[in-house]
């Protein structure tokens, strides 16, 4: 079928149909393949036949719904599978997202599958964000993934409550495509030279020399560079190298505070020499409050006598979240 015929067929309710005959267990099955433009009512009709499928995952459903609403969903041959009894066997998250978003999305519908095939579905491992960045030839896919994951969480923190660090409500961890779409509209930032590459290098160096989380430093470096690249470079040079700093320099205070936290963690867990080796170690949100306090004091030209970010962690996190949202919003609408 030529392209013009395909386009003509797609203008209707359904696309071109393809039938494939298979032999299974002594029986012959006629498997039908067709591209269908599925709207909310059609999606609901298919969902009504859902039988014994897994419970939908909230995070996955929210991710796909966001993609539909932002018009980021692309037709990549994802399938909706229906068995020989007319029951939905695969595609419930995409169909639920169509119902939620009200979008009309093309889907490859495969129907007539032997019911025995159901046990073979969804057993393959999906691509991680790191895998996706590798495909896009990003230089440091794991480091970029970690940085973008923290930035994504900053952008989608649902609430900041009154109280200490425990009052921060963290968002659901992002899915791979959430990270991949963070700079979706700028293809140049998703191929080879990623926007986070130099900041990831800085973060990895800071982790080795200043005992700070690489993912956190990568994001904070990215944010501060948008404020003033030269000022940011000077700040990070002092934090990472620690050469020639005065006793009360905020950058020196940050280095010493991070080292104290590392030493305390190692003394409690002698079996491990890794500061960030388990879930009990400081999160990127917590480390970000240390960095933000040092940055604020240093930019203001103030000395530090008592470095205690935990006393104002909620205020500091709110500042960081506001800065992140402001910078990303400006980048996305072309002002930054």
Protein backbone atom coordinates (compact mmCIF):
# COMPACT_ATOMS: atom_id res chain seq x y z
CA UNK A 1 0.00 0.00 0.00
CA UNK A 2 1.45 3.37 -1.01
CA UNK A 3 1.71 6.36 1.36
CA UNK A 4 -1.22 8.21 -0.28
CA UNK A 5 -3.50 5.21 0.31
CA UNK A 6 -2.38 4.97 3.92
CA UNK A 7 -3.12 8.67 4.47
CA UNK A 8 -6.53 8.27 2.87
CA UNK A 9 -7.33 5.27 5.06
CA UNK A 10 -6.18 7.12 8.21
CA UNK A 11 -8.69 9.90 7.60
CA UNK A 12 -11.43 7.44 8.39
CA UNK A 13 -12.10 5.63 11.63
CA UNK A 14 -9.62 2.88 10.89
CA UNK A 15 -6.35 2.43 9.08
CA UNK A 16 -5.29 -0.37 6.72
CA UNK A 17 -5.91 -3.91 7.94
CA UNK A 18 -3.53 -6.84 7.83
CA UNK A 19 -4.44 -10.46 8.59
CA UNK A 20 -1.97 -13.09 9.70
CA UNK A 21 -2.80 -16.76 10.03
CA UNK A 22 -1.07 -18.85 12.70
CA UNK A 23 -1.24 -22.45 13.87
CA UNK A 24 -1.27 -23.02 17.62
CA UNK A 25 -2.11 -26.21 19.51
CA UNK A 26 -3.80 -27.81 16.55
CA UNK A 27 -6.01 -24.77 15.94
CA UNK A 28 -5.83 -22.05 13.31
CA UNK A 29 -6.09 -18.41 14.34
CA UNK A 30 -6.61 -15.40 12.10
CA UNK A 31 -4.83 -12.46 13.75
CA UNK A 32 -6.02 -9.04 12.66
CA UNK A 33 -3.73 -5.97 12.70
CA UNK A 34 -5.15 -2.49 12.13
CA UNK A 35 -4.28 1.10 12.99
CA UNK A 36 -7.24 2.74 14.69
CA UNK A 37 -7.80 6.30 15.84
CA UNK A 38 -9.08 5.66 19.36
CA UNK A 39 -11.06 8.32 21.20
CA UNK A 40 -12.36 8.32 24.77
CA UNK A 41 -15.59 6.43 24.01
CA UNK A 42 -13.80 3.71 22.01
CA UNK A 43 -11.13 3.44 24.71
CA UNK A 44 -13.80 2.98 27.38
CA UNK A 45 -15.54 0.30 25.31
CA UNK A 46 -12.29 -1.65 25.10
CA UNK A 47 -11.59 -1.13 28.80
CA UNK A 48 -15.00 -2.60 29.63
CA UNK A 49 -13.70 -5.91 28.26
CA UNK A 50 -10.62 -5.81 30.51
CA UNK A 51 -10.42 -9.18 32.24
CA UNK A 52 -7.92 -10.23 34.88
CA UNK A 53 -5.36 -7.62 33.85
CA UNK A 54 -2.92 -6.11 36.32
CA UNK A 55 -4.03 -3.18 38.46
CA UNK A 56 -3.12 0.06 36.68
CA UNK A 57 -0.02 1.82 37.98
CA UNK A 58 -0.86 5.37 39.05
CA UNK A 59 2.53 6.83 38.12
CA UNK A 60 2.48 5.20 34.67
CA UNK A 61 -1.08 6.37 34.00
CA UNK A 62 -0.24 9.94 35.06
CA UNK A 63 2.87 9.92 32.84
CA UNK A 64 0.99 8.81 29.72
CA UNK A 65 -1.91 11.19 30.40
CA UNK A 66 0.52 14.11 30.67
CA UNK A 67 2.07 13.09 27.34
CA UNK A 68 -1.37 13.05 25.70
CA UNK A 69 -2.35 16.44 27.12
CA UNK A 70 0.95 18.04 26.06
CA UNK A 71 0.72 16.45 22.61
CA UNK A 72 4.04 14.69 23.28
CA UNK A 73 2.74 11.19 22.56
CA UNK A 74 4.13 9.82 19.32
CA UNK A 75 2.90 6.84 17.34
CA UNK A 76 5.62 4.22 17.69
CA UNK A 77 3.59 1.11 16.96
CA UNK A 78 2.46 0.53 20.55
CA UNK A 79 -0.15 -2.20 20.53
CA UNK A 80 -3.54 -2.80 22.06
CA UNK A 81 -3.96 -6.56 22.24
CA UNK A 82 -7.30 -8.37 22.24
CA UNK A 83 -7.65 -12.13 22.58
CA UNK A 84 -9.84 -14.61 20.72
CA UNK A 85 -12.67 -14.02 23.22
CA UNK A 86 -12.70 -10.27 22.55
CA UNK A 87 -11.10 -9.44 25.91
CA UNK A 88 -8.53 -6.66 26.34
CA UNK A 89 -5.15 -8.17 27.20
CA UNK A 90 -2.69 -5.30 26.81
CA UNK A 91 -2.80 -1.50 26.53
CA UNK A 92 -4.95 -0.57 29.52
CA UNK A 93 -2.71 2.31 30.63
CA UNK A 94 -2.77 3.96 27.20
CA UNK A 95 -6.54 3.49 26.93
CA UNK A 96 -7.13 4.87 30.44
CA UNK A 97 -4.96 7.86 29.55
CA UNK A 98 -7.09 8.49 26.45
CA UNK A 99 -10.21 8.49 28.64
CA UNK A 100 -8.56 10.82 31.17
CA UNK A 101 -7.12 13.26 28.60
CA UNK A 102 -9.94 13.17 26.05
CA UNK A 103 -7.33 12.85 23.30
CA UNK A 104 -7.73 10.88 20.09
CA UNK A 105 -4.66 8.68 19.66
CA UNK A 106 -3.66 6.25 16.86
CA UNK A 107 -3.02 2.74 18.14
CA UNK A 108 -2.07 -0.53 16.50
CA UNK A 109 -4.84 -2.92 17.52
CA UNK A 110 -4.10 -6.63 17.30
CA UNK A 111 -7.11 -8.86 17.81
CA UNK A 112 -7.83 -12.57 17.72
CA UNK A 113 -4.78 -13.64 19.75
CA UNK A 114 -4.94 -17.10 21.36
CA UNK A 115 -5.85 -16.73 25.03
CA UNK A 116 -2.81 -18.84 25.90
CA UNK A 117 -0.55 -16.05 24.64
CA UNK A 118 -1.52 -13.82 27.54
CA UNK A 119 1.05 -15.40 29.85
CA UNK A 120 3.87 -14.26 27.55
CA UNK A 121 2.96 -10.57 27.61
CA UNK A 122 4.98 -7.89 29.46
CA UNK A 123 7.80 -10.20 30.51
CA UNK A 124 10.57 -8.20 28.82
CA UNK A 125 12.44 -5.47 30.66
CA UNK A 126 11.61 -1.96 29.51
CA UNK A 127 14.18 0.69 28.64
CA UNK A 128 15.47 2.82 31.47
CA UNK A 129 16.16 6.55 31.16
CA UNK A 130 19.87 5.72 30.98
CA UNK A 131 19.17 3.38 28.04
CA UNK A 132 17.21 6.12 26.28
CA UNK A 133 20.02 8.65 26.75
CA UNK A 134 22.52 6.13 25.39
CA UNK A 135 20.42 5.80 22.25
CA UNK A 136 20.55 9.59 21.91
CA UNK A 137 24.36 9.43 22.23
CA UNK A 138 24.47 11.50 25.42
CA UNK A 139 28.05 11.44 26.70
CA UNK A 140 27.30 10.64 30.34
CA UNK A 141 23.88 8.94 30.31
CA UNK A 142 23.86 7.72 33.91
CA UNK A 143 25.01 11.07 35.29
CA UNK A 144 22.55 13.02 33.14
CA UNK A 145 19.76 10.69 34.20
CA UNK A 146 20.52 11.27 37.89
CA UNK A 147 20.64 15.04 37.47
CA UNK A 148 17.45 15.21 35.43
CA UNK A 149 15.67 12.96 37.88
CA UNK A 150 16.42 15.36 40.74
CA UNK A 151 15.44 18.38 38.64
CA UNK A 152 12.19 16.66 37.66
CA UNK A 153 11.41 16.04 41.33
CA UNK A 154 12.07 19.69 42.14
CA UNK A 155 9.63 20.75 39.43
CA UNK A 156 6.88 18.43 40.63
CA UNK A 157 7.14 18.57 44.43
CA UNK A 158 3.42 18.62 45.36
CA UNK A 159 3.77 20.56 48.61
CA UNK A 160 6.18 22.06 51.09
CA UNK A 161 4.71 21.86 54.58
CA UNK A 162 5.58 23.77 57.73
CA UNK A 163 8.26 22.07 59.78
CA UNK A 164 11.66 20.50 59.43
CA UNK A 165 12.95 18.32 56.61
CA UNK A 166 10.44 15.55 57.34
CA UNK A 167 7.70 17.99 56.31
CA UNK A 168 8.73 17.92 52.65
CA UNK A 169 6.38 15.80 50.54
CA UNK A 170 8.34 14.21 47.70
CA UNK A 171 6.75 13.45 44.32
CA UNK A 172 6.42 10.00 42.84
CA UNK A 173 9.76 9.01 41.23
CA UNK A 174 9.68 9.94 37.55
CA UNK A 175 9.32 7.43 34.75
CA UNK A 176 11.97 7.16 32.04
CA UNK A 177 9.96 9.12 29.48
CA UNK A 178 9.33 11.93 31.98
CA UNK A 179 13.07 12.54 32.14
CA UNK A 180 13.44 12.11 28.40
CA UNK A 181 10.74 14.72 27.74
CA UNK A 182 12.05 17.30 30.22
CA UNK A 183 13.76 19.11 27.34
CA UNK A 184 11.48 17.56 24.73
CA UNK A 185 11.15 20.66 22.55
CA UNK A 186 14.89 21.22 22.14
CA UNK A 187 16.29 18.37 20.05
CA UNK A 188 19.79 19.79 20.20
CA UNK A 189 19.89 19.21 23.93
CA UNK A 190 18.94 15.58 23.53
CA UNK A 191 21.66 14.54 21.09
CA UNK A 192 25.33 14.20 22.00
CA UNK A 193 25.94 17.50 23.82
CA UNK A 194 23.33 17.41 26.57
CA UNK A 195 22.58 20.55 28.55
CA UNK A 196 23.68 18.76 31.72
CA UNK A 197 27.03 17.38 30.48
CA UNK A 198 29.35 20.06 31.96
CA UNK A 199 27.34 20.17 35.17
CA UNK A 200 27.50 16.40 35.56
CA UNK A 201 31.30 16.57 35.27
CA UNK A 202 31.31 19.25 37.96
CA UNK A 203 29.02 17.12 40.12
CA UNK A 204 31.20 14.05 39.84
CA UNK A 205 34.26 16.08 40.79
CA UNK A 206 32.43 17.58 43.78
CA UNK A 207 31.43 14.11 44.95
CA UNK A 208 35.08 13.05 45.03
CA UNK A 209 36.63 16.20 46.48
CA UNK A 210 33.89 17.84 48.56
CA UNK A 211 31.71 14.89 49.65
CA UNK A 212 28.59 16.28 47.96
CA UNK A 213 26.06 14.30 45.91
CA UNK A 214 26.84 14.34 42.21
CA UNK A 215 23.18 14.54 41.09
CA UNK A 216 22.51 17.42 43.46
CA UNK A 217 25.60 19.44 42.48
CA UNK A 218 24.82 18.87 38.79
CA UNK A 219 21.39 20.47 39.16
CA UNK A 220 22.47 23.28 41.49
CA UNK A 221 25.35 24.07 39.11
CA UNK A 222 22.87 24.17 36.21
CA UNK A 223 20.62 26.58 38.13
CA UNK A 224 23.39 28.88 39.35
CA UNK A 225 24.91 29.10 35.87
CA UNK A 226 21.60 30.55 34.68
CA UNK A 227 21.89 33.26 37.34
CA UNK A 228 25.52 34.22 36.60
CA UNK A 229 27.97 31.82 34.89
CA UNK A 230 31.09 33.60 36.17
CA UNK A 231 29.76 33.82 39.72
CA UNK A 232 28.75 30.17 39.60
CA UNK A 233 32.18 29.09 38.35
CA UNK A 234 33.90 30.96 41.19
CA UNK A 235 31.54 29.49 43.78
CA UNK A 236 32.06 25.92 42.62
CA UNK A 237 35.81 26.29 42.31
CA UNK A 238 35.98 27.25 45.97
CA UNK A 239 33.61 24.48 47.04
CA UNK A 240 35.37 21.75 45.07
CA UNK A 241 39.02 22.73 45.44
CA UNK A 242 38.87 24.54 48.79
CA UNK A 243 42.16 26.38 48.06
CA UNK A 244 42.87 29.69 49.79
CA UNK A 245 39.49 29.98 51.52
CA UNK A 246 39.19 32.05 54.68
CA UNK A 247 38.04 30.36 57.88
CA UNK A 248 34.52 31.80 57.75
CA UNK A 249 34.04 31.54 53.97
CA UNK A 250 30.62 29.93 53.29
CA UNK A 251 32.22 27.62 50.73
CA UNK A 252 34.66 26.35 53.35
CA UNK A 253 31.79 25.90 55.79
CA UNK A 254 29.92 23.83 53.20
CA UNK A 255 32.96 21.61 52.60
CA UNK A 256 33.47 21.02 56.32
CA UNK A 257 29.78 20.36 56.95
CA UNK A 258 29.65 17.75 54.18
CA UNK A 259 32.81 16.12 55.51
CA UNK A 260 31.36 15.97 59.03
CA UNK A 261 28.24 14.28 57.67
CA UNK A 262 30.37 11.79 55.76
CA UNK A 263 32.59 11.03 58.75
CA UNK A 264 29.57 10.57 61.02
CA UNK A 265 27.98 8.17 58.54
CA UNK A 266 31.18 6.13 58.15
CA UNK A 267 31.67 5.87 61.92
CA UNK A 268 28.14 4.49 62.31
CA UNK A 269 28.51 2.02 59.43
CA UNK A 270 32.10 0.83 59.46
CA UNK A 271 31.30 -1.86 56.93
CA UNK A 272 30.69 0.79 54.29
CA UNK A 273 33.01 3.55 53.13
CA UNK A 274 30.48 5.01 50.74
CA UNK A 275 28.83 8.23 51.91
CA UNK A 276 25.93 7.83 49.51
CA UNK A 277 25.66 4.08 49.39
CA UNK A 278 22.22 3.52 50.87
CA UNK A 279 18.78 5.04 51.29
CA UNK A 280 19.72 6.23 54.80
CA UNK A 281 22.20 8.76 53.40
CA UNK A 282 21.28 12.41 52.75
CA UNK A 283 18.89 12.83 49.84
CA UNK A 284 19.61 15.30 47.03
CA UNK A 285 16.94 17.57 48.53
CA UNK A 286 18.78 17.67 51.85
CA UNK A 287 22.19 18.26 50.27
CA UNK A 288 20.63 21.00 48.15
CA UNK A 289 19.74 22.92 51.32
CA UNK A 290 23.41 22.85 52.38
CA UNK A 291 24.48 24.21 49.01
CA UNK A 292 21.75 26.85 48.85
CA UNK A 293 22.64 28.18 52.31
CA UNK A 294 26.33 28.47 51.35
CA UNK A 295 25.42 30.11 48.03
CA UNK A 296 23.12 32.67 49.68
CA UNK A 297 25.72 33.66 52.26
CA UNK A 298 28.55 33.78 49.72
CA UNK A 299 26.62 35.88 47.17
CA UNK A 300 25.61 38.27 49.96
CA UNK A 301 29.26 38.55 51.05
CA UNK A 302 28.50 37.25 54.53
CA UNK A 303 30.75 35.14 56.69
CA UNK A 304 29.54 31.97 58.40
CA UNK A 305 29.98 31.29 62.09
CA UNK A 306 27.31 28.61 62.53
CA UNK A 307 26.52 26.58 59.42
CA UNK A 308 23.13 24.97 60.22
CA UNK A 309 20.97 24.42 57.10
CA UNK A 310 18.62 22.09 59.01
CA UNK A 311 17.18 25.07 60.89
CA UNK A 312 15.76 26.58 57.70
CA UNK A 313 15.55 23.64 55.33
CA UNK A 314 11.94 24.27 54.26
CA UNK A 315 12.68 27.89 53.35
CA UNK A 316 15.80 26.86 51.44
CA UNK A 317 13.99 24.13 49.51
CA UNK A 318 11.20 26.55 48.63
CA UNK A 319 13.85 28.94 47.22
CA UNK A 320 15.41 26.16 45.15
CA UNK A 321 12.05 24.95 43.82
CA UNK A 322 11.08 28.49 42.84
CA UNK A 323 14.40 29.02 41.07
CA UNK A 324 14.15 25.73 39.19
CA UNK A 325 10.61 26.38 37.99
CA UNK A 326 11.47 29.92 36.92
CA UNK A 327 14.51 28.86 34.90
CA UNK A 328 12.85 25.87 33.22
CA UNK A 329 9.77 27.92 32.34
CA UNK A 330 11.92 30.62 30.72
CA UNK A 331 13.88 28.00 28.75
CA UNK A 332 10.72 26.31 27.50
CA UNK A 333 9.13 29.52 26.23
CA UNK A 334 12.38 30.76 24.70
CA UNK A 335 13.14 33.63 27.08
CA UNK A 336 16.28 32.16 28.64
